[in-house]
Amino acid sequence: MVVRRGTAKLEEEMENRQKDIERIVDDQGRLRENMKALRGSAEEKALLQRYTRQLDEQETRLDALRKKIEQTEAQRDQANDLLGKMIDDLQLEATL
């Protein structure tokens, strides 16, 4: 039971991180559209630099989220393996 709850928690963590990724990707689309509309005045260049910094920060965050999802998937797989072994052991004990 504890392993099963742990697996469910890991799944939830991955889903939440995936939602974070989707929000960032949506925001990046908005930033890119805004960047296309800029013409080149000094004020717009400053805004373009700001958007570029935001995109860079978001890319860094996306990398971190993706790595964390990979780590969480590995933890989930280990928990599922452990759960499978526990079930096999219980079945073996039940047949004895």
PDB file of N, CA and C in Angstrom:
ATOM      1  N   MET A   1       0.809  -1.198   0.000  1.00  0.00           N
ATOM      2  CA  MET A   1       0.000   0.000   0.000  1.00  0.00           C
ATOM      3  C   MET A   1       0.855   1.268   0.000  1.00  0.00           C
ATOM      4  N   VAL A   2       1.903   1.279   0.835  1.00  0.00           N
ATOM      5  CA  VAL A   2       2.777   2.445   0.910  1.00  0.00           C
ATOM      6  C   VAL A   2       3.463   2.668  -0.436  1.00  0.00           C
ATOM      7  N   VAL A   3       3.912   1.590  -1.051  1.00  0.00           N
ATOM      8  CA  VAL A   3       4.580   1.695  -2.352  1.00  0.00           C
ATOM      9  C   VAL A   3       3.609   2.206  -3.401  1.00  0.00           C
ATOM     10  N   ARG A   4       2.376   1.720  -3.359  1.00  0.00           N
ATOM     11  CA  ARG A   4       1.371   2.142  -4.335  1.00  0.00           C
ATOM     12  C   ARG A   4       1.086   3.637  -4.189  1.00  0.00           C
ATOM     13  N   ARG A   5       0.970   4.114  -2.935  1.00  0.00           N
ATOM     14  CA  ARG A   5       0.734   5.550  -2.711  1.00  0.00           C
ATOM     15  C   ARG A   5       1.941   6.357  -3.181  1.00  0.00           C
ATOM     16  N   GLY A   6       3.136   5.817  -2.952  1.00  0.00           N
ATOM     17  CA  GLY A   6       4.344   6.497  -3.413  1.00  0.00           C
ATOM     18  C   GLY A   6       4.383   6.613  -4.922  1.00  0.00           C
ATOM     19  N   THR A   7       3.967   5.561  -5.586  1.00  0.00           N
ATOM     20  CA  THR A   7       3.915   5.576  -7.050  1.00  0.00           C
ATOM     21  C   THR A   7       2.900   6.606  -7.534  1.00  0.00           C
ATOM     22  N   ALA A   8       1.751   6.656  -6.887  1.00  0.00           N
ATOM     23  CA  ALA A   8       0.723   7.631  -7.269  1.00  0.00           C
ATOM     24  C   ALA A   8       1.223   9.053  -7.058  1.00  0.00           C
ATOM     25  N   LYS A   9       1.958   9.260  -5.976  1.00  0.00           N
ATOM     26  CA  LYS A   9       2.510  10.592  -5.714  1.00  0.00           C
ATOM     27  C   LYS A   9       3.520  10.977  -6.789  1.00  0.00           C
ATOM     28  N   LEU A  10       4.350  10.040  -7.200  1.00  0.00           N
ATOM     29  CA  LEU A  10       5.325  10.314  -8.259  1.00  0.00           C
ATOM     30  C   LEU A  10       4.621  10.645  -9.571  1.00  0.00           C
ATOM     31  N   GLU A  11       3.551   9.920  -9.863  1.00  0.00           N
ATOM     32  CA  GLU A  11       2.766  10.211 -11.080  1.00  0.00           C
ATOM     33  C   GLU A  11       2.201  11.629 -11.018  1.00  0.00           C
ATOM     34  N   GLU A  12       1.698  12.007  -9.853  1.00  0.00           N
ATOM     35  CA  GLU A  12       1.136  13.348  -9.683  1.00  0.00           C
ATOM     36  C   GLU A  12       2.211  14.413  -9.865  1.00  0.00           C
ATOM     37  N   GLU A  13       3.388  14.168  -9.316  1.00  0.00           N
ATOM     38  CA  GLU A  13       4.496  15.104  -9.487  1.00  0.00           C
ATOM     39  C   GLU A  13       4.837  15.290 -10.962  1.00  0.00           C
ATOM     40  N   MET A  14       4.882  14.183 -11.700  1.00  0.00           N
ATOM     41  CA  MET A  14       5.201  14.268 -13.130  1.00  0.00           C
ATOM     42  C   MET A  14       4.122  15.048 -13.872  1.00  0.00           C
ATOM     43  N   GLU A  15       2.870  14.810 -13.539  1.00  0.00           N
ATOM     44  CA  GLU A  15       1.777  15.536 -14.184  1.00  0.00           C
ATOM     45  C   GLU A  15       1.874  17.028 -13.897  1.00  0.00           C
ATOM     46  N   ASN A  16       2.181  17.385 -12.656  1.00  0.00           N
ATOM     47  CA  ASN A  16       2.308  18.798 -12.304  1.00  0.00           C
ATOM     48  C   ASN A  16       3.460  19.458 -13.040  1.00  0.00           C
ATOM     49  N   ARG A  17       4.559  18.761 -13.163  1.00  0.00           N
ATOM     50  CA  ARG A  17       5.703  19.316 -13.900  1.00  0.00           C
ATOM     51  C   ARG A  17       5.374  19.456 -15.381  1.00  0.00           C
ATOM     52  N   GLN A  18       4.631  18.491 -15.912  1.00  0.00           N
ATOM     53  CA  GLN A  18       4.237  18.577 -17.319  1.00  0.00           C
ATOM     54  C   GLN A  18       3.322  19.784 -17.536  1.00  0.00           C
ATOM     55  N   LYS A  19       2.434  20.050 -16.593  1.00  0.00           N
ATOM     56  CA  LYS A  19       1.567  21.233 -16.693  1.00  0.00           C
ATOM     57  C   LYS A  19       2.404  22.508 -16.646  1.00  0.00           C
ATOM     58  N   ASP A  20       3.443  22.532 -15.798  1.00  0.00           N
ATOM     59  CA  ASP A  20       4.349  23.681 -15.746  1.00  0.00           C
ATOM     60  C   ASP A  20       5.015  23.889 -17.103  1.00  0.00           C
ATOM     61  N   ILE A  21       5.440  22.803 -17.707  1.00  0.00           N
ATOM     62  CA  ILE A  21       6.069  22.886 -19.029  1.00  0.00           C
ATOM     63  C   ILE A  21       5.083  23.466 -20.043  1.00  0.00           C
ATOM     64  N   GLU A  22       3.858  22.984 -20.021  1.00  0.00           N
ATOM     65  CA  GLU A  22       2.853  23.475 -20.968  1.00  0.00           C
ATOM     66  C   GLU A  22       2.586  24.965 -20.778  1.00  0.00           C
ATOM     67  N   ARG A  23       2.541  25.424 -19.530  1.00  0.00           N
ATOM     68  CA  ARG A  23       2.329  26.854 -19.275  1.00  0.00           C
ATOM     69  C   ARG A  23       3.498  27.675 -19.812  1.00  0.00           C
ATOM     70  N   ILE A  24       4.710  27.192 -19.601  1.00  0.00           N
ATOM     71  CA  ILE A  24       5.879  27.918 -20.094  1.00  0.00           C
ATOM     72  C   ILE A  24       5.875  27.975 -21.610  1.00  0.00           C
ATOM     73  N   VAL A  25       5.571  26.863 -22.249  1.00  0.00           N
ATOM     74  CA  VAL A  25       5.539  26.824 -23.713  1.00  0.00           C
ATOM     75  C   VAL A  25       4.479  27.799 -24.248  1.00  0.00           C
ATOM     76  N   ASP A  26       3.328  27.835 -23.613  1.00  0.00           N
ATOM     77  CA  ASP A  26       2.289  28.791 -24.023  1.00  0.00           C
ATOM     78  C   ASP A  26       2.780  30.228 -23.873  1.00  0.00           C
ATOM     79  N   ASP A  27       3.436  30.516 -22.752  1.00  0.00           N
ATOM     80  CA  ASP A  27       3.948  31.862 -22.516  1.00  0.00           C
ATOM     81  C   ASP A  27       5.026  32.215 -23.531  1.00  0.00           C
ATOM     82  N   GLN A  28       5.848  31.233 -23.896  1.00  0.00           N
ATOM     83  CA  GLN A  28       6.883  31.497 -24.891  1.00  0.00           C
ATOM     84  C   GLN A  28       6.256  31.855 -26.242  1.00  0.00           C
ATOM     85  N   GLY A  29       5.171  31.199 -26.577  1.00  0.00           N
ATOM     86  CA  GLY A  29       4.475  31.539 -27.819  1.00  0.00           C
ATOM     87  C   GLY A  29       3.998  32.988 -27.798  1.00  0.00           C
ATOM     88  N   ARG A  30       3.458  33.397 -26.658  1.00  0.00           N
ATOM     89  CA  ARG A  30       2.998  34.781 -26.510  1.00  0.00           C
ATOM     90  C   ARG A  30       4.175  35.753 -26.649  1.00  0.00           C
ATOM     91  N   LEU A  31       5.283  35.435 -25.987  1.00  0.00           N
ATOM     92  CA  LEU A  31       6.458  36.309 -26.077  1.00  0.00           C
ATOM     93  C   LEU A  31       6.970  36.415 -27.503  1.00  0.00           C
ATOM     94  N   ARG A  32       7.002  35.297 -28.197  1.00  0.00           N
ATOM     95  CA  ARG A  32       7.500  35.316 -29.581  1.00  0.00           C
ATOM     96  C   ARG A  32       6.585  36.140 -30.489  1.00  0.00           C
ATOM     97  N   GLU A  33       5.293  36.039 -30.278  1.00  0.00           N
ATOM     98  CA  GLU A  33       4.355  36.849 -31.062  1.00  0.00           C
ATOM     99  C   GLU A  33       4.573  38.332 -30.774  1.00  0.00           C
ATOM    100  N   ASN A  34       4.765  38.672 -29.517  1.00  0.00           N
ATOM    101  CA  ASN A  34       5.038  40.068 -29.154  1.00  0.00           C
ATOM    102  C   ASN A  34       6.335  40.549 -29.793  1.00  0.00           C
ATOM    103  N   MET A  35       7.338  39.682 -29.830  1.00  0.00           N
ATOM    104  CA  MET A  35       8.622  40.054 -30.417  1.00  0.00           C
ATOM    105  C   MET A  35       8.485  40.344 -31.913  1.00  0.00           C
ATOM    106  N   LYS A  36       7.639  39.592 -32.586  1.00  0.00           N
ATOM    107  CA  LYS A  36       7.434  39.801 -34.025  1.00  0.00           C
ATOM    108  C   LYS A  36       6.832  41.172 -34.308  1.00  0.00           C
ATOM    109  N   ALA A  37       6.033  41.670 -33.372  1.00  0.00           N
ATOM    110  CA  ALA A  37       5.332  42.936 -33.591  1.00  0.00           C
ATOM    111  C   ALA A  37       6.229  44.153 -33.350  1.00  0.00           C
ATOM    112  N   LEU A  38       7.393  43.961 -32.767  1.00  0.00           N
ATOM    113  CA  LEU A  38       8.265  45.094 -32.466  1.00  0.00           C
ATOM    114  C   LEU A  38       8.938  45.611 -33.734  1.00  0.00           C
ATOM    115  N   ARG A  39       9.080  46.923 -33.813  1.00  0.00           N
ATOM    116  CA  ARG A  39       9.604  47.551 -35.021  1.00  0.00           C
ATOM    117  C   ARG A  39      11.075  47.953 -34.920  1.00  0.00           C
ATOM    118  N   GLY A  40      11.568  48.319 -33.762  1.00  0.00           N
ATOM    119  CA  GLY A  40      12.980  48.658 -33.680  1.00  0.00           C
ATOM    120  C   GLY A  40      13.295  49.970 -32.991  1.00  0.00           C
ATOM    121  N   SER A  41      12.318  50.662 -32.423  1.00  0.00           N
ATOM    122  CA  SER A  41      12.633  51.884 -31.689  1.00  0.00           C
ATOM    123  C   SER A  41      13.444  51.514 -30.441  1.00  0.00           C
ATOM    124  N   ALA A  42      14.021  52.509 -29.800  1.00  0.00           N
ATOM    125  CA  ALA A  42      14.843  52.265 -28.610  1.00  0.00           C
ATOM    126  C   ALA A  42      14.025  51.579 -27.518  1.00  0.00           C
ATOM    127  N   GLU A  43      12.789  52.033 -27.342  1.00  0.00           N
ATOM    128  CA  GLU A  43      11.925  51.422 -26.320  1.00  0.00           C
ATOM    129  C   GLU A  43      11.602  49.974 -26.677  1.00  0.00           C
ATOM    130  N   GLU A  44      11.374  49.733 -27.937  1.00  0.00           N
ATOM    131  CA  GLU A  44      11.057  48.384 -28.376  1.00  0.00           C
ATOM    132  C   GLU A  44      12.276  47.469 -28.268  1.00  0.00           C
ATOM    133  N   LYS A  45      13.474  48.014 -28.506  1.00  0.00           N
ATOM    134  CA  LYS A  45      14.687  47.214 -28.352  1.00  0.00           C
ATOM    135  C   LYS A  45      14.862  46.782 -26.895  1.00  0.00           C
ATOM    136  N   ALA A  46      14.554  47.684 -25.972  1.00  0.00           N
ATOM    137  CA  ALA A  46      14.638  47.340 -24.547  1.00  0.00           C
ATOM    138  C   ALA A  46      13.630  46.248 -24.221  1.00  0.00           C
ATOM    139  N   LEU A  47      12.447  46.347 -24.792  1.00  0.00           N
ATOM    140  CA  LEU A  47      11.420  45.336 -24.578  1.00  0.00           C
ATOM    141  C   LEU A  47      11.850  44.000 -25.189  1.00  0.00           C
ATOM    142  N   LEU A  48      12.463  44.068 -26.364  1.00  0.00           N
ATOM    143  CA  LEU A  48      12.963  42.860 -27.018  1.00  0.00           C
ATOM    144  C   LEU A  48      14.026  42.179 -26.142  1.00  0.00           C
ATOM    145  N   GLN A  49      14.903  42.961 -25.531  1.00  0.00           N
ATOM    146  CA  GLN A  49      15.904  42.391 -24.635  1.00  0.00           C
ATOM    147  C   GLN A  49      15.238  41.732 -23.427  1.00  0.00           C
ATOM    148  N   ARG A  50      14.219  42.381 -22.907  1.00  0.00           N
ATOM    149  CA  ARG A  50      13.484  41.808 -21.773  1.00  0.00           C
ATOM    150  C   ARG A  50      12.851  40.478 -22.156  1.00  0.00           C
ATOM    151  N   TYR A  51      12.191  40.438 -23.315  1.00  0.00           N
ATOM    152  CA  TYR A  51      11.568  39.204 -23.785  1.00  0.00           C
ATOM    153  C   TYR A  51      12.613  38.106 -23.995  1.00  0.00           C
ATOM    154  N   THR A  52      13.766  38.503 -24.530  1.00  0.00           N
ATOM    155  CA  THR A  52      14.839  37.533 -24.767  1.00  0.00           C
ATOM    156  C   THR A  52      15.333  36.948 -23.440  1.00  0.00           C
ATOM    157  N   ARG A  53      15.479  37.796 -22.427  1.00  0.00           N
ATOM    158  CA  ARG A  53      15.882  37.304 -21.098  1.00  0.00           C
ATOM    159  C   ARG A  53      14.832  36.346 -20.541  1.00  0.00           C
ATOM    160  N   GLN A  54      13.557  36.704 -20.704  1.00  0.00           N
ATOM    161  CA  GLN A  54      12.491  35.835 -20.214  1.00  0.00           C
ATOM    162  C   GLN A  54      12.535  34.476 -20.908  1.00  0.00           C
ATOM    163  N   LEU A  55      12.722  34.481 -22.214  1.00  0.00           N
ATOM    164  CA  LEU A  55      12.799  33.227 -22.962  1.00  0.00           C
ATOM    165  C   LEU A  55      13.989  32.390 -22.486  1.00  0.00           C
ATOM    166  N   ASP A  56      15.117  33.042 -22.249  1.00  0.00           N
ATOM    167  CA  ASP A  56      16.299  32.324 -21.775  1.00  0.00           C
ATOM    168  C   ASP A  56      16.037  31.701 -20.401  1.00  0.00           C
ATOM    169  N   GLU A  57      15.432  32.461 -19.502  1.00  0.00           N
ATOM    170  CA  GLU A  57      15.112  31.936 -18.167  1.00  0.00           C
ATOM    171  C   GLU A  57      14.124  30.773 -18.267  1.00  0.00           C
ATOM    172  N   GLN A  58      13.166  30.901 -19.151  1.00  0.00           N
ATOM    173  CA  GLN A  58      12.181  29.835 -19.316  1.00  0.00           C
ATOM    174  C   GLN A  58      12.815  28.577 -19.891  1.00  0.00           C
ATOM    175  N   GLU A  59      13.745  28.734 -20.815  1.00  0.00           N
ATOM    176  CA  GLU A  59      14.427  27.568 -21.370  1.00  0.00           C
ATOM    177  C   GLU A  59      15.214  26.836 -20.287  1.00  0.00           C
ATOM    178  N   THR A  60      15.851  27.605 -19.411  1.00  0.00           N
ATOM    179  CA  THR A  60      16.572  27.000 -18.292  1.00  0.00           C
ATOM    180  C   THR A  60      15.603  26.238 -17.396  1.00  0.00           C
ATOM    181  N   ARG A  61      14.462  26.840 -17.119  1.00  0.00           N
ATOM    182  CA  ARG A  61      13.446  26.188 -16.276  1.00  0.00           C
ATOM    183  C   ARG A  61      12.905  24.927 -16.962  1.00  0.00           C
ATOM    184  N   LEU A  62      12.685  25.001 -18.275  1.00  0.00           N
ATOM    185  CA  LEU A  62      12.204  23.829 -19.016  1.00  0.00           C
ATOM    186  C   LEU A  62      13.201  22.673 -18.917  1.00  0.00           C
ATOM    187  N   ASP A  63      14.473  22.979 -19.069  1.00  0.00           N
ATOM    188  CA  ASP A  63      15.497  21.934 -18.947  1.00  0.00           C
ATOM    189  C   ASP A  63      15.441  21.280 -17.571  1.00  0.00           C
ATOM    190  N   ALA A  64      15.335  22.106 -16.533  1.00  0.00           N
ATOM    191  CA  ALA A  64      15.281  21.577 -15.169  1.00  0.00           C
ATOM    192  C   ALA A  64      14.035  20.717 -14.960  1.00  0.00           C
ATOM    193  N   LEU A  65      12.893  21.179 -15.476  1.00  0.00           N
ATOM    194  CA  LEU A  65      11.652  20.412 -15.332  1.00  0.00           C
ATOM    195  C   LEU A  65      11.745  19.070 -16.054  1.00  0.00           C
ATOM    196  N   ARG A  66      12.298  19.085 -17.249  1.00  0.00           N
ATOM    197  CA  ARG A  66      12.421  17.838 -18.009  1.00  0.00           C
ATOM    198  C   ARG A  66      13.354  16.838 -17.312  1.00  0.00           C
ATOM    199  N   LYS A  67      14.438  17.341 -16.764  1.00  0.00           N
ATOM    200  CA  LYS A  67      15.353  16.463 -16.029  1.00  0.00           C
ATOM    201  C   LYS A  67      14.673  15.887 -14.797  1.00  0.00           C
ATOM    202  N   LYS A  68      13.906  16.723 -14.102  1.00  0.00           N
ATOM    203  CA  LYS A  68      13.211  16.256 -12.902  1.00  0.00           C
ATOM    204  C   LYS A  68      12.153  15.215 -13.269  1.00  0.00           C
ATOM    205  N   ILE A  69      11.485  15.403 -14.393  1.00  0.00           N
ATOM    206  CA  ILE A  69      10.504  14.401 -14.847  1.00  0.00           C
ATOM    207  C   ILE A  69      11.208  13.078 -15.112  1.00  0.00           C
ATOM    208  N   GLU A  70      12.370  13.113 -15.763  1.00  0.00           N
ATOM    209  CA  GLU A  70      13.123  11.885 -16.028  1.00  0.00           C
ATOM    210  C   GLU A  70      13.500  11.190 -14.724  1.00  0.00           C
ATOM    211  N   GLN A  71      13.959  11.970 -13.743  1.00  0.00           N
ATOM    212  CA  GLN A  71      14.327  11.390 -12.450  1.00  0.00           C
ATOM    213  C   GLN A  71      13.106  10.781 -11.763  1.00  0.00           C
ATOM    214  N   THR A  72      11.993  11.484 -11.831  1.00  0.00           N
ATOM    215  CA  THR A  72      10.771  11.000 -11.192  1.00  0.00           C
ATOM    216  C   THR A  72      10.264   9.742 -11.884  1.00  0.00           C
ATOM    217  N   GLU A  73      10.390   9.688 -13.213  1.00  0.00           N
ATOM    218  CA  GLU A  73      10.005   8.476 -13.941  1.00  0.00           C
ATOM    219  C   GLU A  73      10.847   7.293 -13.484  1.00  0.00           C
ATOM    220  N   ALA A  74      12.141   7.518 -13.295  1.00  0.00           N
ATOM    221  CA  ALA A  74      13.020   6.438 -12.833  1.00  0.00           C
ATOM    222  C   ALA A  74      12.611   5.978 -11.436  1.00  0.00           C
ATOM    223  N   GLN A  75      12.281   6.928 -10.566  1.00  0.00           N
ATOM    224  CA  GLN A  75      11.819   6.575  -9.218  1.00  0.00           C
ATOM    225  C   GLN A  75      10.511   5.788  -9.285  1.00  0.00           C
ATOM    226  N   ARG A  76       9.616   6.218 -10.154  1.00  0.00           N
ATOM    227  CA  ARG A  76       8.342   5.520 -10.313  1.00  0.00           C
ATOM    228  C   ARG A  76       8.560   4.097 -10.808  1.00  0.00           C
ATOM    229  N   ASP A  77       9.452   3.957 -11.778  1.00  0.00           N
ATOM    230  CA  ASP A  77       9.736   2.623 -12.313  1.00  0.00           C
ATOM    231  C   ASP A  77      10.316   1.716 -11.237  1.00  0.00           C
ATOM    232  N   GLN A  78      11.192   2.256 -10.409  1.00  0.00           N
ATOM    233  CA  GLN A  78      11.755   1.470  -9.308  1.00  0.00           C
ATOM    234  C   GLN A  78      10.656   1.069  -8.319  1.00  0.00           C
ATOM    235  N   ALA A  79       9.768   2.016  -8.022  1.00  0.00           N
ATOM    236  CA  ALA A  79       8.666   1.720  -7.095  1.00  0.00           C
ATOM    237  C   ALA A  79       7.743   0.660  -7.683  1.00  0.00           C
ATOM    238  N   ASN A  80       7.482   0.742  -8.978  1.00  0.00           N
ATOM    239  CA  ASN A  80       6.638  -0.270  -9.626  1.00  0.00           C
ATOM    240  C   ASN A  80       7.305  -1.641  -9.612  1.00  0.00           C
ATOM    241  N   ASP A  81       8.622  -1.670  -9.829  1.00  0.00           N
ATOM    242  CA  ASP A  81       9.355  -2.940  -9.751  1.00  0.00           C
ATOM    243  C   ASP A  81       9.264  -3.528  -8.348  1.00  0.00           C
ATOM    244  N   LEU A  82       9.454  -2.687  -7.347  1.00  0.00           N
ATOM    245  CA  LEU A  82       9.355  -3.133  -5.967  1.00  0.00           C
ATOM    246  C   LEU A  82       7.959  -3.658  -5.659  1.00  0.00           C
ATOM    247  N   LEU A  83       6.955  -2.956  -6.132  1.00  0.00           N
ATOM    248  CA  LEU A  83       5.572  -3.390  -5.925  1.00  0.00           C
ATOM    249  C   LEU A  83       5.331  -4.743  -6.591  1.00  0.00           C
ATOM    250  N   GLY A  84       5.839  -4.911  -7.800  1.00  0.00           N
ATOM    251  CA  GLY A  84       5.689  -6.186  -8.496  1.00  0.00           C
ATOM    252  C   GLY A  84       6.350  -7.329  -7.739  1.00  0.00           C
ATOM    253  N   LYS A  85       7.535  -7.072  -7.200  1.00  0.00           N
ATOM    254  CA  LYS A  85       8.231  -8.093  -6.423  1.00  0.00           C
ATOM    255  C   LYS A  85       7.459  -8.430  -5.149  1.00  0.00           C
ATOM    256  N   MET A  86       6.901  -7.409  -4.509  1.00  0.00           N
ATOM    257  CA  MET A  86       6.128  -7.647  -3.292  1.00  0.00           C
ATOM    258  C   MET A  86       4.885  -8.482  -3.598  1.00  0.00           C
ATOM    259  N   ILE A  87       4.247  -8.208  -4.708  1.00  0.00           N
ATOM    260  CA  ILE A  87       3.062  -8.978  -5.107  1.00  0.00           C
ATOM    261  C   ILE A  87       3.451 -10.419  -5.404  1.00  0.00           C
ATOM    262  N   ASP A  88       4.566 -10.591  -6.128  1.00  0.00           N
ATOM    263  CA  ASP A  88       5.042 -11.948  -6.416  1.00  0.00           C
ATOM    264  C   ASP A  88       5.334 -12.705  -5.134  1.00  0.00           C
ATOM    265  N   ASP A  89       5.981 -12.039  -4.166  1.00  0.00           N
ATOM    266  CA  ASP A  89       6.286 -12.680  -2.887  1.00  0.00           C
ATOM    267  C   ASP A  89       5.007 -13.071  -2.143  1.00  0.00           C
ATOM    268  N   LEU A  90       4.015 -12.198  -2.180  1.00  0.00           N
ATOM    269  CA  LEU A  90       2.740 -12.504  -1.517  1.00  0.00           C
ATOM    270  C   LEU A  90       2.059 -13.699  -2.179  1.00  0.00           C
ATOM    271  N   GLN A  91       2.114 -13.747  -3.515  1.00  0.00           N
ATOM    272  CA  GLN A  91       1.496 -14.867  -4.212  1.00  0.00           C
ATOM    273  C   GLN A  91       2.215 -16.158  -3.899  1.00  0.00           C
ATOM    274  N   LEU A  92       3.542 -16.088  -3.802  1.00  0.00           N
ATOM    275  CA  LEU A  92       4.324 -17.267  -3.467  1.00  0.00           C
ATOM    276  C   LEU A  92       3.980 -17.742  -2.055  1.00  0.00           C
ATOM    277  N   GLU A  93       3.863 -16.829  -1.106  1.00  0.00           N
ATOM    278  CA  GLU A  93       3.508 -17.187   0.254  1.00  0.00           C
ATOM    279  C   GLU A  93       2.100 -17.774   0.329  1.00  0.00           C
ATOM    280  N   ALA A  94       1.210 -17.240  -0.490  1.00  0.00           N
ATOM    281  CA  ALA A  94      -0.186 -17.719  -0.466  1.00  0.00           C
ATOM    282  C   ALA A  94      -0.279 -19.148  -0.997  1.00  0.00           C
ATOM    283  N   THR A  95       0.590 -19.488  -1.928  1.00  0.00           N
ATOM    284  CA  THR A  95       0.512 -20.843  -2.489  1.00  0.00           C
ATOM    285  C   THR A  95       1.181 -21.865  -1.584  1.00  0.00           C
ATOM    286  N   LEU A  96       2.051 -21.407  -0.699  1.00  0.00           N
ATOM    287  CA  LEU A  96       2.717 -22.345   0.215  1.00  0.00           C
ATOM    288  C   LEU A  96       1.744 -22.686   1.285  1.00  0.00           C
TER     289      LEU A  96
END
